[in-house]
Amino acid sequence: MSLNLSSPVYSLYEQFLKRDVLAGPPVKHVAIIQDGNRRYARSRGLPAFIGHNRGAETTSNVSDWCLELGVKHLTVYAFSTENFKRDEEEKSYLFDLIKRKLIEMYSSERIHHNRVRVRAIGRVDLLPKDLQEAIQRVEEATKRYSGLYFNVALAYGGQCELVDAAKALAHEVEAHKISAGSIDESIIARYLYPHNGVPVPKVDVIIRTGGEFRTSNFLPWQANGNECAAYFCAPYWPEFRKIDFLRAIRTAQIRLSKGQQA
């Protein structure tokens, strides 16, 4: 049975979860597969763009929750390399929606007050030029911030990331800037997305909404071999609630605590 979000019981349960989470070990990096926007819309007889729009509102809420809980990195899977196969009308709407949200961030008092650094990770050069320009503007405007690293995965695929890193490393070895024998995990991490600045760190928890139980080629290097927790939940992304987020953080904390005791 789901709780009414406006009910006193929901409010008390949320407060209990938040208190429990704040008393636990810090979770530094949350990664989210925002699944179910289209299914949310279909289940209500609405056009797909309504689902995407409401999903974008959820993303904004989650960034606020991360700031509230002291999460340092939030990485959201906004558009995968596989999403290029979608029909042109939907892609056009998605690109326009992402661009509008990035422009909002560029001038957002909340973003600047909280010192949120916005970054795109992925094969950004495959995106429309106007979207690339919006990315460059918000990245430039927030590049000195470190309150929260908000990483937006666009034209992203985990295998593509590893291929691009391997190519960049091969180029450096060819140019005698790095010796092949010196390459280790820390050097590889420096060539993952983004290629400059603070790298995307190891993931503490991957959250996936919409009832699917797979990680869909998302952050394979940063999540694997790290005792990364996985939290799969039934709500479609537009329905994702703060209590779902708090439960996911608590799941990560249990994993972190076990790692510390081992």
C-alpha atoms as a PDB file:
ATOM      1  CA  MET A   1       0.000   0.000   0.000  1.00  0.00           C
ATOM      2  CA  SER A   2       1.472   3.364  -1.016  1.00  0.00           C
ATOM      3  CA  LEU A   3       1.464   6.333   1.332  1.00  0.00           C
ATOM      4  CA  ASN A   4      -0.400   9.535   0.573  1.00  0.00           C
ATOM      5  CA  LEU A   5       2.375  12.108   0.154  1.00  0.00           C
ATOM      6  CA  SER A   6       0.394  14.735   2.054  1.00  0.00           C
ATOM      7  CA  SER A   7      -0.470  12.446   4.973  1.00  0.00           C
ATOM      8  CA  PRO A   8       1.062  12.927   8.452  1.00  0.00           C
ATOM      9  CA  VAL A   9       2.212   9.282   8.352  1.00  0.00           C
ATOM     10  CA  TYR A  10       4.239   9.913   5.203  1.00  0.00           C
ATOM     11  CA  SER A  11       5.800  13.028   6.734  1.00  0.00           C
ATOM     12  CA  LEU A  12       6.750  11.185   9.922  1.00  0.00           C
ATOM     13  CA  TYR A  13       8.192   8.244   7.974  1.00  0.00           C
ATOM     14  CA  GLU A  14      10.233  10.619   5.795  1.00  0.00           C
ATOM     15  CA  GLN A  15      11.588  12.379   8.894  1.00  0.00           C
ATOM     16  CA  PHE A  16      12.505   9.023  10.447  1.00  0.00           C
ATOM     17  CA  LEU A  17      14.344   7.915   7.299  1.00  0.00           C
ATOM     18  CA  LYS A  18      16.181  11.217   6.981  1.00  0.00           C
ATOM     19  CA  ARG A  19      17.317  11.110  10.611  1.00  0.00           C
ATOM     20  CA  ASP A  20      18.502   7.518  10.123  1.00  0.00           C
ATOM     21  CA  VAL A  21      20.416   8.436   6.948  1.00  0.00           C
ATOM     22  CA  LEU A  22      22.081  11.519   8.448  1.00  0.00           C
ATOM     23  CA  ALA A  23      23.369   9.356  11.318  1.00  0.00           C
ATOM     24  CA  GLY A  24      24.951   6.859   8.905  1.00  0.00           C
ATOM     25  CA  PRO A  25      28.210   6.909   6.903  1.00  0.00           C
ATOM     26  CA  PRO A  26      28.358   9.551   4.149  1.00  0.00           C
ATOM     27  CA  VAL A  27      27.323   8.512   0.642  1.00  0.00           C
ATOM     28  CA  LYS A  28      29.441  10.483  -1.804  1.00  0.00           C
ATOM     29  CA  HIS A  29      28.241   9.439  -5.275  1.00  0.00           C
ATOM     30  CA  VAL A  30      24.709   8.562  -6.350  1.00  0.00           C
ATOM     31  CA  ALA A  31      24.071   7.447  -9.941  1.00  0.00           C
ATOM     32  CA  ILE A  32      20.532   7.215 -11.299  1.00  0.00           C
ATOM     33  CA  ILE A  33      18.984   5.482 -14.302  1.00  0.00           C
ATOM     34  CA  GLN A  34      15.847   7.597 -14.757  1.00  0.00           C
ATOM     35  CA  ASP A  35      13.584   4.947 -16.233  1.00  0.00           C
ATOM     36  CA  GLY A  36       9.864   4.991 -16.951  1.00  0.00           C
ATOM     37  CA  ASN A  37       8.998   8.459 -18.260  1.00  0.00           C
ATOM     38  CA  ARG A  38       7.213   7.088 -21.332  1.00  0.00           C
ATOM     39  CA  ARG A  39       5.506   4.263 -19.428  1.00  0.00           C
ATOM     40  CA  TYR A  40       4.330   6.769 -16.831  1.00  0.00           C
ATOM     41  CA  ALA A  41       2.716   8.830 -19.588  1.00  0.00           C
ATOM     42  CA  ARG A  42       1.171   5.792 -21.331  1.00  0.00           C
ATOM     43  CA  SER A  43      -0.316   4.503 -18.064  1.00  0.00           C
ATOM     44  CA  ARG A  44      -2.193   7.805 -17.749  1.00  0.00           C
ATOM     45  CA  GLY A  45      -3.161   8.178 -21.385  1.00  0.00           C
ATOM     46  CA  LEU A  46      -0.801  11.149 -21.791  1.00  0.00           C
ATOM     47  CA  PRO A  47       1.662  11.951 -24.591  1.00  0.00           C
ATOM     48  CA  ALA A  48       5.271  10.901 -23.981  1.00  0.00           C
ATOM     49  CA  PHE A  49       6.520  14.480 -23.709  1.00  0.00           C
ATOM     50  CA  ILE A  50       4.461  14.966 -20.518  1.00  0.00           C
ATOM     51  CA  GLY A  51       6.300  12.034 -18.961  1.00  0.00           C
ATOM     52  CA  HIS A  52       9.686  13.466 -19.937  1.00  0.00           C
ATOM     53  CA  ASN A  53       8.733  16.879 -18.594  1.00  0.00           C
ATOM     54  CA  ARG A  54       7.592  15.511 -15.242  1.00  0.00           C
ATOM     55  CA  GLY A  55      10.702  13.362 -15.116  1.00  0.00           C
ATOM     56  CA  ALA A  56      12.825  16.500 -15.467  1.00  0.00           C
ATOM     57  CA  GLU A  57      11.028  17.946 -12.426  1.00  0.00           C
ATOM     58  CA  THR A  58      11.959  14.830 -10.445  1.00  0.00           C
ATOM     59  CA  THR A  59      15.608  15.263 -11.440  1.00  0.00           C
ATOM     60  CA  SER A  60      15.563  18.800 -10.058  1.00  0.00           C
ATOM     61  CA  ASN A  61      14.063  17.526  -6.797  1.00  0.00           C
ATOM     62  CA  VAL A  62      16.726  14.841  -6.462  1.00  0.00           C
ATOM     63  CA  SER A  63      19.533  17.374  -6.849  1.00  0.00           C
ATOM     64  CA  ASP A  64      17.994  19.300  -3.932  1.00  0.00           C
ATOM     65  CA  TRP A  65      17.843  16.113  -1.839  1.00  0.00           C
ATOM     66  CA  CYS A  66      21.537  15.442  -2.577  1.00  0.00           C
ATOM     67  CA  LEU A  67      22.443  18.917  -1.315  1.00  0.00           C
ATOM     68  CA  GLU A  68      20.311  18.329   1.768  1.00  0.00           C
ATOM     69  CA  LEU A  69      22.082  15.057   2.598  1.00  0.00           C
ATOM     70  CA  GLY A  70      25.614  16.117   1.699  1.00  0.00           C
ATOM     71  CA  VAL A  71      25.975  13.890  -1.378  1.00  0.00           C
ATOM     72  CA  LYS A  72      28.942  15.224  -3.359  1.00  0.00           C
ATOM     73  CA  HIS A  73      28.319  13.686  -6.809  1.00  0.00           C
ATOM     74  CA  LEU A  74      25.036  13.029  -8.618  1.00  0.00           C
ATOM     75  CA  THR A  75      25.179  11.399 -12.047  1.00  0.00           C
ATOM     76  CA  VAL A  76      21.935  11.009 -13.999  1.00  0.00           C
ATOM     77  CA  TYR A  77      21.460   8.960 -17.171  1.00  0.00           C
ATOM     78  CA  ALA A  78      19.639  11.507 -19.324  1.00  0.00           C
ATOM     79  CA  PHE A  79      20.244  10.215 -22.880  1.00  0.00           C
ATOM     80  CA  SER A  80      22.106   7.052 -23.847  1.00  0.00           C
ATOM     81  CA  THR A  81      23.806   6.189 -27.114  1.00  0.00           C
ATOM     82  CA  GLU A  82      20.974   3.676 -27.652  1.00  0.00           C
ATOM     83  CA  ASN A  83      18.403   6.498 -27.377  1.00  0.00           C
ATOM     84  CA  PHE A  84      19.548   7.805 -30.769  1.00  0.00           C
ATOM     85  CA  LYS A  85      17.393   4.993 -32.230  1.00  0.00           C
ATOM     86  CA  ARG A  86      14.194   6.695 -31.023  1.00  0.00           C
ATOM     87  CA  ASP A  87      11.981   8.509 -33.508  1.00  0.00           C
ATOM     88  CA  GLU A  88      12.995  11.994 -34.602  1.00  0.00           C
ATOM     89  CA  GLU A  89      10.055  13.763 -32.967  1.00  0.00           C
ATOM     90  CA  GLU A  90      10.794  12.326 -29.527  1.00  0.00           C
ATOM     91  CA  LYS A  91      14.539  12.985 -29.834  1.00  0.00           C
ATOM     92  CA  SER A  92      13.869  16.562 -30.889  1.00  0.00           C
ATOM     93  CA  TYR A  93      11.624  17.103 -27.860  1.00  0.00           C
ATOM     94  CA  LEU A  94      14.164  15.501 -25.508  1.00  0.00           C
ATOM     95  CA  PHE A  95      17.031  17.605 -26.837  1.00  0.00           C
ATOM     96  CA  ASP A  96      14.944  20.759 -26.505  1.00  0.00           C
ATOM     97  CA  LEU A  97      13.880  19.818 -22.967  1.00  0.00           C
ATOM     98  CA  ILE A  98      17.463  19.126 -21.885  1.00  0.00           C
ATOM     99  CA  LYS A  99      18.609  22.388 -23.456  1.00  0.00           C
ATOM    100  CA  ARG A 100      15.897  24.360 -21.637  1.00  0.00           C
ATOM    101  CA  LYS A 101      16.822  22.764 -18.320  1.00  0.00           C
ATOM    102  CA  LEU A 102      20.506  23.545 -18.837  1.00  0.00           C
ATOM    103  CA  ILE A 103      19.688  27.167 -19.661  1.00  0.00           C
ATOM    104  CA  GLU A 104      17.592  27.330 -16.487  1.00  0.00           C
ATOM    105  CA  MET A 105      20.572  26.028 -14.510  1.00  0.00           C
ATOM    106  CA  TYR A 106      22.815  28.621 -16.119  1.00  0.00           C
ATOM    107  CA  SER A 107      20.772  31.444 -14.579  1.00  0.00           C
ATOM    108  CA  SER A 108      19.443  29.610 -11.511  1.00  0.00           C
ATOM    109  CA  GLU A 109      20.021  31.373  -8.209  1.00  0.00           C
ATOM    110  CA  ARG A 110      19.740  27.996  -6.482  1.00  0.00           C
ATOM    111  CA  ILE A 111      22.512  26.495  -8.612  1.00  0.00           C
ATOM    112  CA  HIS A 112      24.885  29.385  -7.968  1.00  0.00           C
ATOM    113  CA  HIS A 113      23.994  29.764  -4.282  1.00  0.00           C
ATOM    114  CA  ASN A 114      24.647  26.053  -3.653  1.00  0.00           C
ATOM    115  CA  ARG A 115      27.758  26.099  -5.864  1.00  0.00           C
ATOM    116  CA  VAL A 116      26.564  23.242  -8.070  1.00  0.00           C
ATOM    117  CA  ARG A 117      28.968  22.317 -10.849  1.00  0.00           C
ATOM    118  CA  VAL A 118      27.075  21.071 -13.894  1.00  0.00           C
ATOM    119  CA  ARG A 119      28.908  18.808 -16.347  1.00  0.00           C
ATOM    120  CA  ALA A 120      27.934  16.692 -19.330  1.00  0.00           C
ATOM    121  CA  ILE A 121      29.583  13.301 -19.768  1.00  0.00           C
ATOM    122  CA  GLY A 122      29.397  11.284 -22.963  1.00  0.00           C
ATOM    123  CA  ARG A 123      29.956  11.770 -26.686  1.00  0.00           C
ATOM    124  CA  VAL A 124      28.656  15.318 -26.534  1.00  0.00           C
ATOM    125  CA  ASP A 125      29.860  16.028 -30.084  1.00  0.00           C
ATOM    126  CA  LEU A 126      27.029  13.783 -31.372  1.00  0.00           C
ATOM    127  CA  LEU A 127      24.382  16.123 -29.936  1.00  0.00           C
ATOM    128  CA  PRO A 128      22.755  19.031 -31.812  1.00  0.00           C
ATOM    129  CA  LYS A 129      24.894  22.185 -31.947  1.00  0.00           C
ATOM    130  CA  ASP A 130      22.469  24.325 -29.935  1.00  0.00           C
ATOM    131  CA  LEU A 131      22.464  21.726 -27.155  1.00  0.00           C
ATOM    132  CA  GLN A 132      26.262  21.593 -27.221  1.00  0.00           C
ATOM    133  CA  GLU A 133      26.327  25.378 -26.854  1.00  0.00           C
ATOM    134  CA  ALA A 134      23.976  25.230 -23.843  1.00  0.00           C
ATOM    135  CA  ILE A 135      26.242  22.616 -22.264  1.00  0.00           C
ATOM    136  CA  GLN A 136      29.316  24.790 -22.790  1.00  0.00           C
ATOM    137  CA  ARG A 137      27.594  27.829 -21.273  1.00  0.00           C
ATOM    138  CA  VAL A 138      26.496  26.123 -18.048  1.00  0.00           C
ATOM    139  CA  GLU A 139      29.783  24.242 -17.677  1.00  0.00           C
ATOM    140  CA  GLU A 140      31.735  27.491 -18.018  1.00  0.00           C
ATOM    141  CA  ALA A 141      29.440  29.342 -15.596  1.00  0.00           C
ATOM    142  CA  THR A 142      29.772  26.664 -12.877  1.00  0.00           C
ATOM    143  CA  LYS A 143      33.320  25.371 -13.434  1.00  0.00           C
ATOM    144  CA  ARG A 144      34.680  26.832 -10.175  1.00  0.00           C
ATOM    145  CA  TYR A 145      31.966  25.303  -7.982  1.00  0.00           C
ATOM    146  CA  SER A 146      32.306  22.192  -5.832  1.00  0.00           C
ATOM    147  CA  GLY A 147      29.210  22.097  -3.610  1.00  0.00           C
ATOM    148  CA  LEU A 148      27.679  19.321  -5.726  1.00  0.00           C
ATOM    149  CA  TYR A 149      28.992  17.833  -8.962  1.00  0.00           C
ATOM    150  CA  PHE A 150      25.894  17.323 -11.099  1.00  0.00           C
ATOM    151  CA  ASN A 151      26.942  15.047 -13.962  1.00  0.00           C
ATOM    152  CA  VAL A 152      24.458  14.697 -16.818  1.00  0.00           C
ATOM    153  CA  ALA A 153      25.133  11.616 -18.968  1.00  0.00           C
ATOM    154  CA  LEU A 154      24.276  12.620 -22.555  1.00  0.00           C
ATOM    155  CA  ALA A 155      24.996  10.488 -25.624  1.00  0.00           C
ATOM    156  CA  TYR A 156      26.522   8.210 -23.008  1.00  0.00           C
ATOM    157  CA  GLY A 157      27.347   4.520 -23.139  1.00  0.00           C
ATOM    158  CA  GLY A 158      29.620   2.722 -20.697  1.00  0.00           C
ATOM    159  CA  GLN A 159      31.426   0.738 -23.381  1.00  0.00           C
ATOM    160  CA  CYS A 160      31.855   3.897 -25.455  1.00  0.00           C
ATOM    161  CA  GLU A 161      33.443   5.588 -22.439  1.00  0.00           C
ATOM    162  CA  LEU A 162      35.974   2.775 -22.084  1.00  0.00           C
ATOM    163  CA  VAL A 163      36.733   2.782 -25.820  1.00  0.00           C
ATOM    164  CA  ASP A 164      37.256   6.559 -25.828  1.00  0.00           C
ATOM    165  CA  ALA A 165      39.546   6.298 -22.789  1.00  0.00           C
ATOM    166  CA  ALA A 166      41.575   3.535 -24.460  1.00  0.00           C
ATOM    167  CA  LYS A 167      41.976   5.630 -27.632  1.00  0.00           C
ATOM    168  CA  ALA A 168      43.075   8.690 -25.650  1.00  0.00           C
ATOM    169  CA  LEU A 169      45.589   6.614 -23.699  1.00  0.00           C
ATOM    170  CA  ALA A 170      46.936   5.004 -26.876  1.00  0.00           C
ATOM    171  CA  HIS A 171      47.467   8.484 -28.330  1.00  0.00           C
ATOM    172  CA  GLU A 172      49.388   9.547 -25.197  1.00  0.00           C
ATOM    173  CA  VAL A 173      51.585   6.435 -25.353  1.00  0.00           C
ATOM    174  CA  GLU A 174      52.244   7.061 -29.058  1.00  0.00           C
ATOM    175  CA  ALA A 175      53.278  10.624 -28.256  1.00  0.00           C
ATOM    176  CA  HIS A 176      55.596   9.308 -25.499  1.00  0.00           C
ATOM    177  CA  LYS A 177      53.703  11.292 -22.844  1.00  0.00           C
ATOM    178  CA  ILE A 178      52.905   8.097 -20.925  1.00  0.00           C
ATOM    179  CA  SER A 179      54.726   4.788 -20.893  1.00  0.00           C
ATOM    180  CA  ALA A 180      52.585   1.705 -21.410  1.00  0.00           C
ATOM    181  CA  GLY A 181      54.112   0.123 -18.310  1.00  0.00           C
ATOM    182  CA  SER A 182      52.983   2.986 -16.082  1.00  0.00           C
ATOM    183  CA  ILE A 183      49.274   2.620 -16.882  1.00  0.00           C
ATOM    184  CA  ASP A 184      47.252   1.603 -13.847  1.00  0.00           C
ATOM    185  CA  GLU A 185      43.703   2.080 -12.556  1.00  0.00           C
ATOM    186  CA  SER A 186      44.302   5.661 -11.435  1.00  0.00           C
ATOM    187  CA  ILE A 187      45.669   6.711 -14.828  1.00  0.00           C
ATOM    188  CA  ILE A 188      42.783   5.060 -16.701  1.00  0.00           C
ATOM    189  CA  ALA A 189      40.322   6.896 -14.431  1.00  0.00           C
ATOM    190  CA  ARG A 190      41.811  10.228 -15.537  1.00  0.00           C
ATOM    191  CA  TYR A 191      40.872   9.498 -19.160  1.00  0.00           C
ATOM    192  CA  LEU A 192      37.257   8.635 -18.486  1.00  0.00           C
ATOM    193  CA  TYR A 193      34.518  11.272 -18.874  1.00  0.00           C
ATOM    194  CA  PRO A 194      34.968  14.168 -18.352  1.00  0.00           C
ATOM    195  CA  HIS A 195      38.451  14.371 -19.863  1.00  0.00           C
ATOM    196  CA  ASN A 196      39.474  17.332 -17.733  1.00  0.00           C
ATOM    197  CA  GLY A 197      38.792  18.526 -14.231  1.00  0.00           C
ATOM    198  CA  VAL A 198      37.598  16.384 -11.319  1.00  0.00           C
ATOM    199  CA  PRO A 199      36.891  12.841 -12.585  1.00  0.00           C
ATOM    200  CA  VAL A 200      33.610  11.072 -11.879  1.00  0.00           C
ATOM    201  CA  PRO A 201      34.474   8.992  -8.795  1.00  0.00           C
ATOM    202  CA  LYS A 202      33.522   5.486  -7.794  1.00  0.00           C
ATOM    203  CA  VAL A 203      29.777   5.030  -7.359  1.00  0.00           C
ATOM    204  CA  ASP A 204      28.279   4.241  -3.946  1.00  0.00           C
ATOM    205  CA  VAL A 205      24.806   3.360  -5.233  1.00  0.00           C
ATOM    206  CA  ILE A 206      23.081   3.001  -8.596  1.00  0.00           C
ATOM    207  CA  ILE A 207      19.347   3.660  -8.461  1.00  0.00           C
ATOM    208  CA  ARG A 208      17.041   2.452 -11.203  1.00  0.00           C
ATOM    209  CA  THR A 209      13.355   3.283 -11.298  1.00  0.00           C
ATOM    210  CA  GLY A 210      10.563   1.723 -13.355  1.00  0.00           C
ATOM    211  CA  GLY A 211      10.813  -1.879 -12.148  1.00  0.00           C
ATOM    212  CA  GLU A 212      13.755  -2.962 -14.332  1.00  0.00           C
ATOM    213  CA  PHE A 213      16.612  -4.980 -12.784  1.00  0.00           C
ATOM    214  CA  ARG A 214      19.621  -4.079 -14.935  1.00  0.00           C
ATOM    215  CA  THR A 215      22.233  -1.315 -15.087  1.00  0.00           C
ATOM    216  CA  SER A 216      22.112  -0.770 -18.867  1.00  0.00           C
ATOM    217  CA  ASN A 217      25.748   0.002 -19.656  1.00  0.00           C
ATOM    218  CA  PHE A 218      25.861   2.812 -17.072  1.00  0.00           C
ATOM    219  CA  LEU A 219      29.185   3.758 -15.434  1.00  0.00           C
ATOM    220  CA  PRO A 220      30.709   0.243 -15.629  1.00  0.00           C
ATOM    221  CA  TRP A 221      34.194   1.369 -14.555  1.00  0.00           C
ATOM    222  CA  GLN A 222      32.996   3.549 -11.677  1.00  0.00           C
ATOM    223  CA  ALA A 223      30.474   1.016 -10.339  1.00  0.00           C
ATOM    224  CA  ASN A 224      32.148  -2.390 -10.777  1.00  0.00           C
ATOM    225  CA  GLY A 225      34.758  -3.627  -8.326  1.00  0.00           C
ATOM    226  CA  ASN A 226      33.643  -1.013  -5.807  1.00  0.00           C
ATOM    227  CA  GLU A 227      31.098  -2.892  -3.715  1.00  0.00           C
ATOM    228  CA  CYS A 228      28.594  -0.510  -5.280  1.00  0.00           C
ATOM    229  CA  ALA A 229      25.062  -0.984  -3.998  1.00  0.00           C
ATOM    230  CA  ALA A 230      22.154  -1.266  -6.427  1.00  0.00           C
ATOM    231  CA  TYR A 231      18.652  -0.071  -5.612  1.00  0.00           C
ATOM    232  CA  PHE A 232      15.861  -1.086  -7.972  1.00  0.00           C
ATOM    233  CA  CYS A 233      12.380   0.280  -7.328  1.00  0.00           C
ATOM    234  CA  ALA A 234       8.971   0.058  -8.988  1.00  0.00           C
ATOM    235  CA  PRO A 235       7.894   3.729  -9.325  1.00  0.00           C
ATOM    236  CA  TYR A 236       8.356   5.302 -12.735  1.00  0.00           C
ATOM    237  CA  TRP A 237      10.825   8.169 -12.647  1.00  0.00           C
ATOM    238  CA  PRO A 238       8.168  10.948 -12.452  1.00  0.00           C
ATOM    239  CA  GLU A 239       6.710   9.150  -9.410  1.00  0.00           C
ATOM    240  CA  PHE A 240      10.035   8.774  -7.569  1.00  0.00           C
ATOM    241  CA  ARG A 241       9.603  10.131  -4.022  1.00  0.00           C
ATOM    242  CA  LYS A 242      11.941  11.382  -1.351  1.00  0.00           C
ATOM    243  CA  ILE A 243      11.317   8.254   0.720  1.00  0.00           C
ATOM    244  CA  ASP A 244      12.471   6.148  -2.267  1.00  0.00           C
ATOM    245  CA  PHE A 245      15.646   8.217  -2.424  1.00  0.00           C
ATOM    246  CA  LEU A 246      16.240   7.936   1.324  1.00  0.00           C
ATOM    247  CA  ARG A 247      15.741   4.160   1.175  1.00  0.00           C
ATOM    248  CA  ALA A 248      18.317   3.961  -1.615  1.00  0.00           C
ATOM    249  CA  ILE A 249      20.816   5.982   0.421  1.00  0.00           C
ATOM    250  CA  ARG A 250      20.215   3.740   3.416  1.00  0.00           C
ATOM    251  CA  THR A 251      20.859   0.683   1.220  1.00  0.00           C
ATOM    252  CA  ALA A 252      24.206   2.196   0.202  1.00  0.00           C
ATOM    253  CA  GLN A 253      25.054   2.932   3.830  1.00  0.00           C
ATOM    254  CA  ILE A 254      24.433  -0.686   4.823  1.00  0.00           C
ATOM    255  CA  ARG A 255      26.823  -1.753   2.056  1.00  0.00           C
ATOM    256  CA  LEU A 256      29.413   0.828   3.164  1.00  0.00           C
ATOM    257  CA  SER A 257      29.144  -0.302   6.792  1.00  0.00           C
ATOM    258  CA  LYS A 258      29.715  -3.939   5.822  1.00  0.00           C
ATOM    259  CA  GLY A 259      32.756  -2.886   3.802  1.00  0.00           C
ATOM    260  CA  GLN A 260      34.202  -1.026   6.782  1.00  0.00           C
ATOM    261  CA  GLN A 261      33.693  -4.059   9.048  1.00  0.00           C
ATOM    262  CA  ALA A 262      35.311  -6.535   6.630  1.00  0.00           C
END
